[in-house]
C-alpha atoms as a PDB file:
ATOM      1  CA  UNK A   1     -77.277 218.402  64.245  1.00  0.00           C
ATOM      2  CA  UNK A   2     -77.350 216.286  67.256  1.00  0.00           C
ATOM      3  CA  UNK A   3     -74.797 215.957  69.955  1.00  0.00           C
ATOM      4  CA  UNK A   4     -72.191 213.031  70.206  1.00  0.00           C
ATOM      5  CA  UNK A   5     -73.118 211.767  73.637  1.00  0.00           C
ATOM      6  CA  UNK A   6     -71.156 209.005  75.604  1.00  0.00           C
ATOM      7  CA  UNK A   7     -73.427 206.935  77.627  1.00  0.00           C
ATOM      8  CA  UNK A   8     -71.402 205.380  80.495  1.00  0.00           C
ATOM      9  CA  UNK A   9     -72.299 201.909  81.855  1.00  0.00           C
ATOM     10  CA  UNK A  10     -70.975 198.830  83.601  1.00  0.00           C
ATOM     11  CA  UNK A  11     -68.921 199.397  86.559  1.00  0.00           C
ATOM     12  CA  UNK A  12     -68.595 197.277  89.706  1.00  0.00           C
ATOM     13  CA  UNK A  13     -72.093 197.557  91.244  1.00  0.00           C
ATOM     14  CA  UNK A  14     -75.124 196.167  89.427  1.00  0.00           C
ATOM     15  CA  UNK A  15     -73.517 196.361  85.997  1.00  0.00           C
ATOM     16  CA  UNK A  16     -76.441 194.679  84.286  1.00  0.00           C
ATOM     17  CA  UNK A  17     -78.948 197.156  85.628  1.00  0.00           C
ATOM     18  CA  UNK A  18     -76.552 199.897  84.570  1.00  0.00           C
ATOM     19  CA  UNK A  19     -76.604 198.614  81.029  1.00  0.00           C
ATOM     20  CA  UNK A  20     -80.376 198.312  81.003  1.00  0.00           C
ATOM     21  CA  UNK A  21     -80.524 202.004  82.047  1.00  0.00           C
ATOM     22  CA  UNK A  22     -77.966 202.952  79.414  1.00  0.00           C
ATOM     23  CA  UNK A  23     -79.951 201.293  76.599  1.00  0.00           C
ATOM     24  CA  UNK A  24     -82.995 203.091  77.624  1.00  0.00           C
ATOM     25  CA  UNK A  25     -81.102 206.367  77.552  1.00  0.00           C
ATOM     26  CA  UNK A  26     -79.587 205.413  74.137  1.00  0.00           C
ATOM     27  CA  UNK A  27     -83.103 204.787  72.621  1.00  0.00           C
ATOM     28  CA  UNK A  28     -84.339 208.011  73.940  1.00  0.00           C
ATOM     29  CA  UNK A  29     -81.402 209.986  72.750  1.00  0.00           C
ATOM     30  CA  UNK A  30     -81.656 208.502  69.315  1.00  0.00           C
ATOM     31  CA  UNK A  31     -85.396 209.571  69.265  1.00  0.00           C
ATOM     32  CA  UNK A  32     -84.165 213.047  70.078  1.00  0.00           C
ATOM     33  CA  UNK A  33     -81.793 212.883  67.078  1.00  0.00           C
ATOM     34  CA  UNK A  34     -78.508 212.777  69.022  1.00  0.00           C
ATOM     35  CA  UNK A  35     -75.580 210.335  68.419  1.00  0.00           C
ATOM     36  CA  UNK A  36     -75.343 208.303  71.580  1.00  0.00           C
ATOM     37  CA  UNK A  37     -72.524 205.691  72.120  1.00  0.00           C
ATOM     38  CA  UNK A  38     -72.345 202.965  74.763  1.00  0.00           C
ATOM     39  CA  UNK A  39     -69.160 203.340  76.731  1.00  0.00           C
ATOM     40  CA  UNK A  40     -68.390 200.475  79.060  1.00  0.00           C
ATOM     41  CA  UNK A  41     -66.400 201.814  82.008  1.00  0.00           C
ATOM     42  CA  UNK A  42     -63.031 200.198  82.558  1.00  0.00           C
ATOM     43  CA  UNK A  43     -59.377 200.909  83.093  1.00  0.00           C
ATOM     44  CA  UNK A  44     -59.191 202.490  79.622  1.00  0.00           C
ATOM     45  CA  UNK A  45     -62.063 204.830  79.994  1.00  0.00           C
ATOM     46  CA  UNK A  46     -60.200 208.218  79.907  1.00  0.00           C
ATOM     47  CA  UNK A  47     -58.205 207.012  76.957  1.00  0.00           C
ATOM     48  CA  UNK A  48     -61.384 206.044  75.127  1.00  0.00           C
ATOM     49  CA  UNK A  49     -62.985 209.437  75.794  1.00  0.00           C
ATOM     50  CA  UNK A  50     -59.827 211.291  74.635  1.00  0.00           C
ATOM     51  CA  UNK A  51     -59.946 209.421  71.384  1.00  0.00           C
ATOM     52  CA  UNK A  52     -63.759 209.657  70.787  1.00  0.00           C
ATOM     53  CA  UNK A  53     -64.143 213.270  71.856  1.00  0.00           C
ATOM     54  CA  UNK A  54     -67.840 213.213  72.890  1.00  0.00           C
ATOM     55  CA  UNK A  55     -69.673 216.493  73.370  1.00  0.00           C
ATOM     56  CA  UNK A  56     -71.196 215.420  76.631  1.00  0.00           C
ATOM     57  CA  UNK A  57     -71.451 212.362  78.825  1.00  0.00           C
ATOM     58  CA  UNK A  58     -74.515 210.778  80.524  1.00  0.00           C
ATOM     59  CA  UNK A  59     -73.629 208.657  83.602  1.00  0.00           C
ATOM     60  CA  UNK A  60     -75.637 205.396  83.929  1.00  0.00           C
ATOM     61  CA  UNK A  61     -73.282 203.861  86.448  1.00  0.00           C
ATOM     62  CA  UNK A  62     -74.865 202.669  89.828  1.00  0.00           C
ATOM     63  CA  UNK A  63     -73.646 202.760  93.369  1.00  0.00           C
ATOM     64  CA  UNK A  64     -70.465 204.383  94.361  1.00  0.00           C
ATOM     65  CA  UNK A  65     -69.231 204.185  90.717  1.00  0.00           C
ATOM     66  CA  UNK A  66     -71.844 206.673  89.699  1.00  0.00           C
ATOM     67  CA  UNK A  67     -72.574 208.656  92.882  1.00  0.00           C
ATOM     68  CA  UNK A  68     -69.316 209.219  94.736  1.00  0.00           C
ATOM     69  CA  UNK A  69     -67.967 211.961  92.416  1.00  0.00           C
ATOM     70  CA  UNK A  70     -65.121 209.786  91.171  1.00  0.00           C
ATOM     71  CA  UNK A  71     -66.555 209.310  87.692  1.00  0.00           C
ATOM     72  CA  UNK A  72     -67.164 213.017  87.442  1.00  0.00           C
ATOM     73  CA  UNK A  73     -63.476 213.566  88.287  1.00  0.00           C
ATOM     74  CA  UNK A  74     -62.421 211.259  85.432  1.00  0.00           C
ATOM     75  CA  UNK A  75     -64.767 213.042  83.044  1.00  0.00           C
ATOM     76  CA  UNK A  76     -63.427 216.412  84.054  1.00  0.00           C
ATOM     77  CA  UNK A  77     -59.841 215.225  83.572  1.00  0.00           C
ATOM     78  CA  UNK A  78     -60.928 214.116  79.996  1.00  0.00           C
ATOM     79  CA  UNK A  79     -62.578 217.505  79.524  1.00  0.00           C
ATOM     80  CA  UNK A  80     -65.907 215.982  78.854  1.00  0.00           C
ATOM     81  CA  UNK A  81     -69.031 217.835  80.299  1.00  0.00           C
ATOM     82  CA  UNK A  82     -71.284 215.532  82.190  1.00  0.00           C
ATOM     83  CA  UNK A  83     -75.126 215.684  82.871  1.00  0.00           C
ATOM     84  CA  UNK A  84     -75.583 216.289  86.460  1.00  0.00           C
ATOM     85  CA  UNK A  85     -73.787 217.745  89.538  1.00  0.00           C
ATOM     86  CA  UNK A  86     -70.075 218.335  89.789  1.00  0.00           C
ATOM     87  CA  UNK A  87     -67.706 215.793  91.621  1.00  0.00           C
ATOM     88  CA  UNK A  88     -67.724 217.987  94.712  1.00  0.00           C
ATOM     89  CA  UNK A  89     -71.477 218.120  94.830  1.00  0.00           C
ATOM     90  CA  UNK A  90     -71.751 214.448  94.252  1.00  0.00           C
ATOM     91  CA  UNK A  91     -69.493 213.802  97.093  1.00  0.00           C
ATOM     92  CA  UNK A  92     -71.520 216.094  99.386  1.00  0.00           C
ATOM     93  CA  UNK A  93     -74.734 214.280  98.383  1.00  0.00           C
ATOM     94  CA  UNK A  94     -73.188 210.828  98.831  1.00  0.00           C
ATOM     95  CA  UNK A  95     -72.147 211.641 102.391  1.00  0.00           C
ATOM     96  CA  UNK A  96     -75.361 211.142 104.450  1.00  0.00           C
ATOM     97  CA  UNK A  97     -73.618 212.335 107.648  1.00  0.00           C
ATOM     98  CA  UNK A  98     -73.380 215.806 106.165  1.00  0.00           C
ATOM     99  CA  UNK A  99     -76.994 216.280 105.243  1.00  0.00           C
ATOM    100  CA  UNK A 100     -78.051 217.924 108.331  1.00  0.00           C
ATOM    101  CA  UNK A 101     -75.145 220.373 108.313  1.00  0.00           C
ATOM    102  CA  UNK A 102     -75.853 221.286 104.633  1.00  0.00           C
ATOM    103  CA  UNK A 103     -79.429 222.043 105.597  1.00  0.00           C
ATOM    104  CA  UNK A 104     -78.299 224.231 108.502  1.00  0.00           C
ATOM    105  CA  UNK A 105     -75.861 226.055 106.290  1.00  0.00           C
ATOM    106  CA  UNK A 106     -78.670 226.656 103.768  1.00  0.00           C
ATOM    107  CA  UNK A 107     -80.837 228.003 106.519  1.00  0.00           C
ATOM    108  CA  UNK A 108     -78.144 230.371 107.789  1.00  0.00           C
ATOM    109  CA  UNK A 109     -77.676 231.612 104.251  1.00  0.00           C
ATOM    110  CA  UNK A 110     -81.051 232.192 103.190  1.00  0.00           C
ATOM    111  CA  UNK A 111     -82.701 232.923 106.577  1.00  0.00           C
ATOM    112  CA  UNK A 112     -85.527 230.919 105.589  1.00  0.00           C
ATOM    113  CA  UNK A 113     -87.373 228.612 107.916  1.00  0.00           C
ATOM    114  CA  UNK A 114     -86.635 225.201 106.455  1.00  0.00           C
ATOM    115  CA  UNK A 115     -89.312 222.566 105.955  1.00  0.00           C
ATOM    116  CA  UNK A 116     -86.940 219.652 105.482  1.00  0.00           C
ATOM    117  CA  UNK A 117     -85.586 217.936 108.585  1.00  0.00           C
ATOM    118  CA  UNK A 118     -83.280 214.930 109.132  1.00  0.00           C
ATOM    119  CA  UNK A 119     -83.648 211.934 111.588  1.00  0.00           C
ATOM    120  CA  UNK A 120     -82.071 212.342 114.997  1.00  0.00           C
ATOM    121  CA  UNK A 121     -78.682 210.707 114.562  1.00  0.00           C
ATOM    122  CA  UNK A 122     -75.417 209.682 116.141  1.00  0.00           C
ATOM    123  CA  UNK A 123     -72.414 209.189 113.987  1.00  0.00           C
ATOM    124  CA  UNK A 124     -69.373 206.856 114.712  1.00  0.00           C
ATOM    125  CA  UNK A 125     -66.280 206.430 112.683  1.00  0.00           C
ATOM    126  CA  UNK A 126     -64.477 203.227 112.105  1.00  0.00           C
ATOM    127  CA  UNK A 127     -61.401 204.576 113.867  1.00  0.00           C
ATOM    128  CA  UNK A 128     -63.348 205.834 116.955  1.00  0.00           C
ATOM    129  CA  UNK A 129     -65.167 202.584 117.090  1.00  0.00           C
ATOM    130  CA  UNK A 130     -62.185 200.209 116.616  1.00  0.00           C
ATOM    131  CA  UNK A 131     -59.247 202.149 118.196  1.00  0.00           C
ATOM    132  CA  UNK A 132     -60.774 204.561 120.725  1.00  0.00           C
ATOM    133  CA  UNK A 133     -63.463 202.420 122.462  1.00  0.00           C
ATOM    134  CA  UNK A 134     -66.519 204.213 121.072  1.00  0.00           C
ATOM    135  CA  UNK A 135     -68.349 200.936 121.411  1.00  0.00           C
ATOM    136  CA  UNK A 136     -68.926 202.028 125.026  1.00  0.00           C
ATOM    137  CA  UNK A 137     -71.211 204.744 123.610  1.00  0.00           C
ATOM    138  CA  UNK A 138     -73.839 202.264 122.594  1.00  0.00           C
ATOM    139  CA  UNK A 139     -75.064 201.752 126.068  1.00  0.00           C
ATOM    140  CA  UNK A 140     -75.971 205.458 125.858  1.00  0.00           C
ATOM    141  CA  UNK A 141     -77.747 205.467 122.562  1.00  0.00           C
ATOM    142  CA  UNK A 142     -81.239 205.449 124.054  1.00  0.00           C
ATOM    143  CA  UNK A 143     -80.535 208.584 125.966  1.00  0.00           C
ATOM    144  CA  UNK A 144     -79.046 210.186 122.855  1.00  0.00           C
ATOM    145  CA  UNK A 145     -81.912 209.279 120.520  1.00  0.00           C
ATOM    146  CA  UNK A 146     -85.101 210.116 122.237  1.00  0.00           C
ATOM    147  CA  UNK A 147     -87.356 207.725 120.235  1.00  0.00           C
ATOM    148  CA  UNK A 148     -85.429 204.661 121.422  1.00  0.00           C
ATOM    149  CA  UNK A 149     -85.482 201.286 119.700  1.00  0.00           C
ATOM    150  CA  UNK A 150     -86.070 200.397 116.965  1.00  0.00           C
ATOM    151  CA  UNK A 151     -83.124 202.248 115.520  1.00  0.00           C
ATOM    152  CA  UNK A 152     -81.730 202.529 111.917  1.00  0.00           C
ATOM    153  CA  UNK A 153     -78.040 201.733 111.335  1.00  0.00           C
ATOM    154  CA  UNK A 154     -76.540 202.755 107.895  1.00  0.00           C
ATOM    155  CA  UNK A 155     -73.106 203.397 106.399  1.00  0.00           C
ATOM    156  CA  UNK A 156     -72.653 207.158 105.946  1.00  0.00           C
ATOM    157  CA  UNK A 157     -71.769 206.602 102.330  1.00  0.00           C
ATOM    158  CA  UNK A 158     -73.394 203.587 100.324  1.00  0.00           C
ATOM    159  CA  UNK A 159     -75.995 203.240  97.868  1.00  0.00           C
ATOM    160  CA  UNK A 160     -79.211 201.083  97.359  1.00  0.00           C
ATOM    161  CA  UNK A 161     -79.675 200.565 101.011  1.00  0.00           C
ATOM    162  CA  UNK A 162     -76.464 198.621 101.303  1.00  0.00           C
ATOM    163  CA  UNK A 163     -75.681 198.015 104.993  1.00  0.00           C
ATOM    164  CA  UNK A 164     -78.883 199.567 106.247  1.00  0.00           C
ATOM    165  CA  UNK A 165     -80.359 197.639 109.193  1.00  0.00           C
ATOM    166  CA  UNK A 166     -83.352 198.014 111.573  1.00  0.00           C
ATOM    167  CA  UNK A 167     -82.114 197.001 115.058  1.00  0.00           C
ATOM    168  CA  UNK A 168     -84.321 196.203 118.039  1.00  0.00           C
ATOM    169  CA  UNK A 169     -81.924 196.098 120.870  1.00  0.00           C
ATOM    170  CA  UNK A 170     -78.293 196.873 121.961  1.00  0.00           C
ATOM    171  CA  UNK A 171     -76.835 193.463 120.811  1.00  0.00           C
ATOM    172  CA  UNK A 172     -78.204 193.919 117.231  1.00  0.00           C
ATOM    173  CA  UNK A 173     -76.975 197.519 117.327  1.00  0.00           C
ATOM    174  CA  UNK A 174     -73.295 196.493 117.964  1.00  0.00           C
ATOM    175  CA  UNK A 175     -73.507 193.862 115.210  1.00  0.00           C
ATOM    176  CA  UNK A 176     -75.147 196.208 112.788  1.00  0.00           C
ATOM    177  CA  UNK A 177     -72.495 198.882 113.275  1.00  0.00           C
ATOM    178  CA  UNK A 178     -69.743 196.446 112.697  1.00  0.00           C
ATOM    179  CA  UNK A 179     -71.296 195.508 109.409  1.00  0.00           C
ATOM    180  CA  UNK A 180     -71.853 199.098 108.344  1.00  0.00           C
ATOM    181  CA  UNK A 181     -68.292 200.073 109.080  1.00  0.00           C
ATOM    182  CA  UNK A 182     -67.102 197.356 106.749  1.00  0.00           C
ATOM    183  CA  UNK A 183     -68.746 199.391 103.935  1.00  0.00           C
ATOM    184  CA  UNK A 184     -67.747 202.855 104.952  1.00  0.00           C
ATOM    185  CA  UNK A 185     -65.347 204.803 107.260  1.00  0.00           C
ATOM    186  CA  UNK A 186     -68.335 206.164 109.218  1.00  0.00           C
ATOM    187  CA  UNK A 187     -71.846 204.845 110.187  1.00  0.00           C
ATOM    188  CA  UNK A 188     -74.983 206.578 111.449  1.00  0.00           C
ATOM    189  CA  UNK A 189     -77.359 205.408 114.183  1.00  0.00           C
ATOM    190  CA  UNK A 190     -80.659 207.112 113.649  1.00  0.00           C
ATOM    191  CA  UNK A 191     -84.203 207.049 114.939  1.00  0.00           C
ATOM    192  CA  UNK A 192     -86.380 204.474 112.871  1.00  0.00           C
ATOM    193  CA  UNK A 193     -88.946 206.477 110.995  1.00  0.00           C
ATOM    194  CA  UNK A 194     -92.342 204.982 109.980  1.00  0.00           C
ATOM    195  CA  UNK A 195     -94.509 206.624 107.373  1.00  0.00           C
ATOM    196  CA  UNK A 196     -94.958 207.017 103.666  1.00  0.00           C
ATOM    197  CA  UNK A 197     -91.761 206.389 101.846  1.00  0.00           C
ATOM    198  CA  UNK A 198     -91.167 208.651  98.787  1.00  0.00           C
ATOM    199  CA  UNK A 199     -88.564 209.438  96.245  1.00  0.00           C
ATOM    200  CA  UNK A 200     -88.801 212.744  94.549  1.00  0.00           C
ATOM    201  CA  UNK A 201     -86.902 213.533  91.348  1.00  0.00           C
ATOM    202  CA  UNK A 202     -85.884 217.199  90.621  1.00  0.00           C
ATOM    203  CA  UNK A 203     -84.758 218.746  87.468  1.00  0.00           C
ATOM    204  CA  UNK A 204     -83.109 222.174  86.890  1.00  0.00           C
ATOM    205  CA  UNK A 205     -80.541 224.216  88.707  1.00  0.00           C
ATOM    206  CA  UNK A 206     -80.719 226.707  91.647  1.00  0.00           C
ATOM    207  CA  UNK A 207     -83.951 228.689  91.895  1.00  0.00           C
ATOM    208  CA  UNK A 208     -84.989 227.432  88.514  1.00  0.00           C
ATOM    209  CA  UNK A 209     -85.173 223.858  89.790  1.00  0.00           C
ATOM    210  CA  UNK A 210     -88.544 222.115  90.306  1.00  0.00           C
ATOM    211  CA  UNK A 211     -89.760 218.853  91.864  1.00  0.00           C
ATOM    212  CA  UNK A 212     -91.399 216.141  89.658  1.00  0.00           C
ATOM    213  CA  UNK A 213     -94.377 214.334  91.041  1.00  0.00           C
ATOM    214  CA  UNK A 214     -93.381 212.426  94.230  1.00  0.00           C
ATOM    215  CA  UNK A 215     -93.258 208.696  93.805  1.00  0.00           C
ATOM    216  CA  UNK A 216     -94.610 206.573  96.503  1.00  0.00           C
ATOM    217  CA  UNK A 217     -92.697 203.249  97.251  1.00  0.00           C
ATOM    218  CA  UNK A 218     -94.658 200.476  98.757  1.00  0.00           C
ATOM    219  CA  UNK A 219     -92.838 197.258  99.597  1.00  0.00           C
ATOM    220  CA  UNK A 220     -94.895 194.077  99.061  1.00  0.00           C
ATOM    221  CA  UNK A 221     -93.456 192.725 102.442  1.00  0.00           C
ATOM    222  CA  UNK A 222     -91.316 194.205 105.056  1.00  0.00           C
ATOM    223  CA  UNK A 223     -89.474 197.514 104.348  1.00  0.00           C
ATOM    224  CA  UNK A 224     -87.553 198.940 101.403  1.00  0.00           C
ATOM    225  CA  UNK A 225     -84.302 197.287 102.154  1.00  0.00           C
ATOM    226  CA  UNK A 226     -81.467 196.370  99.804  1.00  0.00           C
ATOM    227  CA  UNK A 227     -83.143 193.067  98.912  1.00  0.00           C
ATOM    228  CA  UNK A 228     -86.373 194.800  97.896  1.00  0.00           C
ATOM    229  CA  UNK A 229     -84.516 197.283  95.774  1.00  0.00           C
ATOM    230  CA  UNK A 230     -82.616 194.532  93.932  1.00  0.00           C
ATOM    231  CA  UNK A 231     -85.593 192.190  93.407  1.00  0.00           C
ATOM    232  CA  UNK A 232     -88.124 192.788  90.451  1.00  0.00           C
ATOM    233  CA  UNK A 233     -91.576 193.086  91.601  1.00  0.00           C
ATOM    234  CA  UNK A 234     -90.737 193.474  95.382  1.00  0.00           C
ATOM    235  CA  UNK A 235     -92.212 196.951  95.430  1.00  0.00           C
ATOM    236  CA  UNK A 236     -95.125 198.846  93.950  1.00  0.00           C
ATOM    237  CA  UNK A 237     -94.534 202.451  92.698  1.00  0.00           C
ATOM    238  CA  UNK A 238     -97.354 204.910  92.784  1.00  0.00           C
ATOM    239  CA  UNK A 239     -96.627 207.967  90.540  1.00  0.00           C
ATOM    240  CA  UNK A 240     -97.727 210.424  91.755  1.00  0.00           C
ATOM    241  CA  UNK A 241     -98.140 209.595  95.488  1.00  0.00           C
ATOM    242  CA  UNK A 242    -101.667 208.646  96.336  1.00  0.00           C
ATOM    243  CA  UNK A 243    -103.469 211.413  98.070  1.00  0.00           C
ATOM    244  CA  UNK A 244    -105.136 208.938 100.478  1.00  0.00           C
ATOM    245  CA  UNK A 245    -101.619 207.888 101.743  1.00  0.00           C
ATOM    246  CA  UNK A 246    -101.011 211.472 102.801  1.00  0.00           C
ATOM    247  CA  UNK A 247    -104.294 212.300 104.252  1.00  0.00           C
ATOM    248  CA  UNK A 248    -108.054 211.397 104.044  1.00  0.00           C
ATOM    249  CA  UNK A 249    -108.712 215.047 103.254  1.00  0.00           C
ATOM    250  CA  UNK A 250    -108.102 215.951  99.556  1.00  0.00           C
ATOM    251  CA  UNK A 251    -107.156 219.532 100.376  1.00  0.00           C
ATOM    252  CA  UNK A 252    -104.898 218.524 103.256  1.00  0.00           C
ATOM    253  CA  UNK A 253    -103.217 215.914 100.961  1.00  0.00           C
ATOM    254  CA  UNK A 254    -102.470 218.571  98.371  1.00  0.00           C
ATOM    255  CA  UNK A 255    -101.087 220.793 100.970  1.00  0.00           C
ATOM    256  CA  UNK A 256     -98.837 218.045 102.263  1.00  0.00           C
ATOM    257  CA  UNK A 257     -97.640 217.262  98.812  1.00  0.00           C
ATOM    258  CA  UNK A 258     -96.669 220.836  98.353  1.00  0.00           C
ATOM    259  CA  UNK A 259     -94.790 220.799 101.692  1.00  0.00           C
ATOM    260  CA  UNK A 260     -92.896 217.629 100.616  1.00  0.00           C
ATOM    261  CA  UNK A 261     -91.822 219.227  97.405  1.00  0.00           C
ATOM    262  CA  UNK A 262     -90.814 222.501  99.161  1.00  0.00           C
ATOM    263  CA  UNK A 263     -88.578 220.261 101.468  1.00  0.00           C
ATOM    264  CA  UNK A 264     -87.068 218.442  98.617  1.00  0.00           C
ATOM    265  CA  UNK A 265     -86.088 221.716  96.868  1.00  0.00           C
ATOM    266  CA  UNK A 266     -84.587 222.878  99.989  1.00  0.00           C
ATOM    267  CA  UNK A 267     -82.269 219.790 100.055  1.00  0.00           C
ATOM    268  CA  UNK A 268     -81.408 219.925  96.334  1.00  0.00           C
ATOM    269  CA  UNK A 269     -80.429 223.684  96.696  1.00  0.00           C
ATOM    270  CA  UNK A 270     -78.666 223.070 100.083  1.00  0.00           C
ATOM    271  CA  UNK A 271     -76.268 220.615  98.429  1.00  0.00           C
ATOM    272  CA  UNK A 272     -75.786 222.720  95.318  1.00  0.00           C
ATOM    273  CA  UNK A 273     -77.179 219.938  92.977  1.00  0.00           C
ATOM    274  CA  UNK A 274     -77.703 220.872  89.223  1.00  0.00           C
ATOM    275  CA  UNK A 275     -79.469 219.397  86.223  1.00  0.00           C
ATOM    276  CA  UNK A 276     -81.206 216.496  87.964  1.00  0.00           C
ATOM    277  CA  UNK A 277     -81.316 214.423  91.123  1.00  0.00           C
ATOM    278  CA  UNK A 278     -83.546 212.476  93.526  1.00  0.00           C
ATOM    279  CA  UNK A 279     -84.378 213.056  97.210  1.00  0.00           C
ATOM    280  CA  UNK A 280     -85.528 210.165  99.358  1.00  0.00           C
ATOM    281  CA  UNK A 281     -87.757 210.940 102.374  1.00  0.00           C
ATOM    282  CA  UNK A 282     -90.446 209.584 104.700  1.00  0.00           C
ATOM    283  CA  UNK A 283     -93.579 211.595 105.493  1.00  0.00           C
ATOM    284  CA  UNK A 284     -94.128 210.527 109.007  1.00  0.00           C
ATOM    285  CA  UNK A 285     -97.617 212.182 109.245  1.00  0.00           C
ATOM    286  CA  UNK A 286     -96.320 215.546 110.375  1.00  0.00           C
ATOM    287  CA  UNK A 287     -93.126 216.366 108.503  1.00  0.00           C
ATOM    288  CA  UNK A 288     -90.916 215.432 105.717  1.00  0.00           C
ATOM    289  CA  UNK A 289     -87.831 213.595 107.121  1.00  0.00           C
ATOM    290  CA  UNK A 290     -85.022 213.354 104.588  1.00  0.00           C
ATOM    291  CA  UNK A 291     -83.253 210.059 104.222  1.00  0.00           C
ATOM    292  CA  UNK A 292     -80.704 210.794 101.635  1.00  0.00           C
ATOM    293  CA  UNK A 293     -79.956 212.670  98.205  1.00  0.00           C
ATOM    294  CA  UNK A 294     -78.794 210.986  94.941  1.00  0.00           C
ATOM    295  CA  UNK A 295     -77.014 213.292  92.532  1.00  0.00           C
ATOM    296  CA  UNK A 296     -77.104 210.597  89.790  1.00  0.00           C
ATOM    297  CA  UNK A 297     -80.673 209.336  89.330  1.00  0.00           C
ATOM    298  CA  UNK A 298     -81.419 206.115  87.601  1.00  0.00           C
ATOM    299  CA  UNK A 299     -82.673 206.968  83.970  1.00  0.00           C
ATOM    300  CA  UNK A 300     -84.142 203.533  83.274  1.00  0.00           C
ATOM    301  CA  UNK A 301     -87.509 203.804  81.740  1.00  0.00           C
ATOM    302  CA  UNK A 302     -89.194 201.890  84.609  1.00  0.00           C
ATOM    303  CA  UNK A 303     -87.266 203.651  87.321  1.00  0.00           C
ATOM    304  CA  UNK A 304     -88.926 206.387  89.432  1.00  0.00           C
ATOM    305  CA  UNK A 305     -87.238 209.272  87.658  1.00  0.00           C
ATOM    306  CA  UNK A 306     -88.572 208.459  84.226  1.00  0.00           C
ATOM    307  CA  UNK A 307     -92.008 207.542  85.704  1.00  0.00           C
ATOM    308  CA  UNK A 308     -92.143 210.790  87.414  1.00  0.00           C
ATOM    309  CA  UNK A 309     -91.224 212.717  84.393  1.00  0.00           C
ATOM    310  CA  UNK A 310     -93.988 210.834  82.498  1.00  0.00           C
ATOM    311  CA  UNK A 311     -96.521 211.787  85.137  1.00  0.00           C
ATOM    312  CA  UNK A 312     -95.535 215.377  84.714  1.00  0.00           C
ATOM    313  CA  UNK A 313     -96.116 215.153  80.925  1.00  0.00           C
ATOM    314  CA  UNK A 314     -92.400 215.034  79.992  1.00  0.00           C
ATOM    315  CA  UNK A 315     -90.960 212.468  77.638  1.00  0.00           C
ATOM    316  CA  UNK A 316     -87.542 211.001  78.326  1.00  0.00           C
ATOM    317  CA  UNK A 317     -86.239 211.965  74.881  1.00  0.00           C
ATOM    318  CA  UNK A 318     -87.202 215.549  75.472  1.00  0.00           C
ATOM    319  CA  UNK A 319     -85.890 215.544  78.998  1.00  0.00           C
ATOM    320  CA  UNK A 320     -82.554 213.986  78.215  1.00  0.00           C
ATOM    321  CA  UNK A 321     -82.213 216.393  75.312  1.00  0.00           C
ATOM    322  CA  UNK A 322     -82.689 219.428  77.759  1.00  0.00           C
ATOM    323  CA  UNK A 323     -80.144 217.814  80.250  1.00  0.00           C
ATOM    324  CA  UNK A 324     -77.619 217.106  77.626  1.00  0.00           C
ATOM    325  CA  UNK A 325     -77.791 220.804  76.356  1.00  0.00           C
ATOM    326  CA  UNK A 326     -77.646 222.079  79.927  1.00  0.00           C
ATOM    327  CA  UNK A 327     -74.543 220.205  80.580  1.00  0.00           C
ATOM    328  CA  UNK A 328     -72.903 221.393  77.400  1.00  0.00           C
ATOM    329  CA  UNK A 329     -73.613 225.049  78.507  1.00  0.00           C
ATOM    330  CA  UNK A 330     -72.516 224.723  82.004  1.00  0.00           C
END
């Protein structure tokens, strides 16, 4: 007998795309002989869950609604197991400023030499910037980040490249920081990294987790900014990543891909993620520079997660079936 599964959709960020993903999930769950129900998230969510008593939930919310850990808190309050990581882990993954520290802690614990690296960064809080004159630090940024301009400015916690800017000089830097700090309490100034942009889905938990084929992201113009992410046809996805994008040598390309997947698993385990997730990075020609981790992947059929699963020979119905059963047993 199939499970009764609440598929959560709607929310405040890109609700239409959330519903598209939820409908794809519902179709796959029906094919796997479960009993999915679309649940639109609103002020009566917990009451709805308490009345319907689903066996498990799958979160198709986008942005902070789905990634910040808040929806996981609500599900835990309603005693409904959810596919994916706990609320605490979602918060850890959502905080880009804590990624380097998590990787260092992982290294200290395992004593392994880590493959994953993060971009050289400077973090500023809204309070320090606005109340304590941290803006004066901006004149020192070039000495703190050795690559110099261009730089990347991003909110420490935001989704879909919201508030992420490429800045070419100090004047742009100040403006970009003010904008980023409207979206989050902290912002990151980082070296701008050029290279092959990838997202790598992962499934499983702990040492049983494994990476799906890396997905290469190629914008048709410019870089993979918020507008490109929100516009249909603005990017090309190559699943798996083309070997020629990594190296003209086939053996070297295979070795690089293995290194990328190793780096991704380090991040996944360092953050304590379970069931599924996606790690975004840039291969700069020498190393895998991690951009961010998403503990709540987009399950839409055309999104990278499902495309990578397909490339690995996994069907969405079978994959969601395994994830639902894993959440139930957690």
